[in-house]
Amino acid sequence: MNKPRLDNYSKVLQKLDEAMARPPSSLLERDGIIQRFEYCLEIAWNSAKKVLEYHEYKVEPRTVDFIFGS
């Protein structure tokens, strides 16, 4: 198995930082920032899952529920 790359996570995290650099000027802009956060969280989870699987940890769907309290 190849070592997982975290390029996507770095990119979306940078975009989230840019969006949060100043207060939103409208509800639409605020909603966009929230959506970026949700996307960033999803990419973070997928990246963490790839790293864990690379190190031969078994990641099950219930792990997500435990971590995020779903």
C-alpha atoms as a PDB file:
ATOM      1  CA  MET A   1       0.000   0.000   0.000  1.00  0.00           C
ATOM      2  CA  ASN A   2       1.302   3.453  -0.935  1.00  0.00           C
ATOM      3  CA  LYS A   3       1.798   6.107   1.705  1.00  0.00           C
ATOM      4  CA  PRO A   4      -1.331   8.324   1.786  1.00  0.00           C
ATOM      5  CA  ARG A   5      -1.065  11.885   0.505  1.00  0.00           C
ATOM      6  CA  LEU A   6      -2.619  14.739   2.420  1.00  0.00           C
ATOM      7  CA  ASP A   7      -2.520  17.364  -0.347  1.00  0.00           C
ATOM      8  CA  ASN A   8      -6.306  17.680  -0.575  1.00  0.00           C
ATOM      9  CA  TYR A   9      -6.635  18.277   3.154  1.00  0.00           C
ATOM     10  CA  SER A  10      -4.003  21.012   3.079  1.00  0.00           C
ATOM     11  CA  LYS A  11      -5.786  22.744   0.197  1.00  0.00           C
ATOM     12  CA  VAL A  12      -9.262  22.711   1.745  1.00  0.00           C
ATOM     13  CA  LEU A  13      -7.887  23.793   5.117  1.00  0.00           C
ATOM     14  CA  GLN A  14      -6.184  26.754   3.455  1.00  0.00           C
ATOM     15  CA  LYS A  15      -9.458  27.677   1.713  1.00  0.00           C
ATOM     16  CA  LEU A  16     -11.300  27.501   5.045  1.00  0.00           C
ATOM     17  CA  ASP A  17      -8.678  29.750   6.655  1.00  0.00           C
ATOM     18  CA  GLU A  18      -9.121  32.255   3.833  1.00  0.00           C
ATOM     19  CA  ALA A  19     -12.898  32.240   4.241  1.00  0.00           C
ATOM     20  CA  MET A  20     -12.655  32.788   7.990  1.00  0.00           C
ATOM     21  CA  ALA A  21     -10.123  35.623   7.733  1.00  0.00           C
ATOM     22  CA  ARG A  22     -12.898  38.203   7.948  1.00  0.00           C
ATOM     23  CA  PRO A  23     -16.481  38.218   9.195  1.00  0.00           C
ATOM     24  CA  PRO A  24     -19.115  37.252   6.609  1.00  0.00           C
ATOM     25  CA  SER A  25     -20.955  40.208   5.075  1.00  0.00           C
ATOM     26  CA  SER A  26     -24.158  38.281   4.326  1.00  0.00           C
ATOM     27  CA  LEU A  27     -26.068  35.156   5.273  1.00  0.00           C
ATOM     28  CA  LEU A  28     -25.128  33.627   1.934  1.00  0.00           C
ATOM     29  CA  GLU A  29     -21.443  34.177   2.634  1.00  0.00           C
ATOM     30  CA  ARG A  30     -21.860  32.734   6.144  1.00  0.00           C
ATOM     31  CA  ASP A  31     -23.549  29.653   4.700  1.00  0.00           C
ATOM     32  CA  GLY A  32     -20.652  29.244   2.273  1.00  0.00           C
ATOM     33  CA  ILE A  33     -18.172  29.304   5.150  1.00  0.00           C
ATOM     34  CA  ILE A  34     -20.216  26.678   6.981  1.00  0.00           C
ATOM     35  CA  GLN A  35     -20.248  24.531   3.851  1.00  0.00           C
ATOM     36  CA  ARG A  36     -16.464  24.870   3.526  1.00  0.00           C
ATOM     37  CA  PHE A  37     -16.139  23.747   7.136  1.00  0.00           C
ATOM     38  CA  GLU A  38     -18.309  20.683   6.485  1.00  0.00           C
ATOM     39  CA  TYR A  39     -16.258  19.815   3.406  1.00  0.00           C
ATOM     40  CA  CYS A  40     -13.022  20.315   5.343  1.00  0.00           C
ATOM     41  CA  LEU A  41     -14.279  17.995   8.083  1.00  0.00           C
ATOM     42  CA  GLU A  42     -15.156  15.328   5.508  1.00  0.00           C
ATOM     43  CA  ILE A  43     -11.717  15.558   3.870  1.00  0.00           C
ATOM     44  CA  ALA A  44     -10.060  15.473   7.318  1.00  0.00           C
ATOM     45  CA  TRP A  45     -11.929  12.271   8.183  1.00  0.00           C
ATOM     46  CA  ASN A  46     -11.076  10.632   4.854  1.00  0.00           C
ATOM     47  CA  SER A  47      -7.419  11.614   5.240  1.00  0.00           C
ATOM     48  CA  ALA A  48      -7.267  10.278   8.805  1.00  0.00           C
ATOM     49  CA  LYS A  49      -8.931   7.055   7.664  1.00  0.00           C
ATOM     50  CA  LYS A  50      -6.336   6.587   4.904  1.00  0.00           C
ATOM     51  CA  VAL A  51      -3.475   7.164   7.350  1.00  0.00           C
ATOM     52  CA  LEU A  52      -4.947   4.733   9.879  1.00  0.00           C
ATOM     53  CA  GLU A  53      -5.501   2.081   7.210  1.00  0.00           C
ATOM     54  CA  TYR A  54      -1.948   2.634   5.942  1.00  0.00           C
ATOM     55  CA  HIS A  55      -0.718   1.811   9.459  1.00  0.00           C
ATOM     56  CA  GLU A  56      -2.976  -1.271   9.402  1.00  0.00           C
ATOM     57  CA  TYR A  57      -5.643  -0.068  11.810  1.00  0.00           C
ATOM     58  CA  LYS A  58      -9.099  -1.343  11.034  1.00  0.00           C
ATOM     59  CA  VAL A  59     -11.529   1.551  10.555  1.00  0.00           C
ATOM     60  CA  GLU A  60     -15.184   0.633  10.808  1.00  0.00           C
ATOM     61  CA  PRO A  61     -18.244   2.789  10.079  1.00  0.00           C
ATOM     62  CA  ARG A  62     -19.138   2.874  13.775  1.00  0.00           C
ATOM     63  CA  THR A  63     -15.804   4.586  14.414  1.00  0.00           C
ATOM     64  CA  VAL A  64     -17.205   7.678  12.689  1.00  0.00           C
ATOM     65  CA  ASP A  65     -20.249   7.627  14.981  1.00  0.00           C
ATOM     66  CA  PHE A  66     -18.007   7.362  18.028  1.00  0.00           C
ATOM     67  CA  ILE A  67     -15.764  10.221  16.939  1.00  0.00           C
ATOM     68  CA  PHE A  68     -18.449  12.634  15.741  1.00  0.00           C
ATOM     69  CA  GLY A  69     -21.229  11.565  18.071  1.00  0.00           C
ATOM     70  CA  SER A  70     -23.686  10.751  15.296  1.00  0.00           C
END
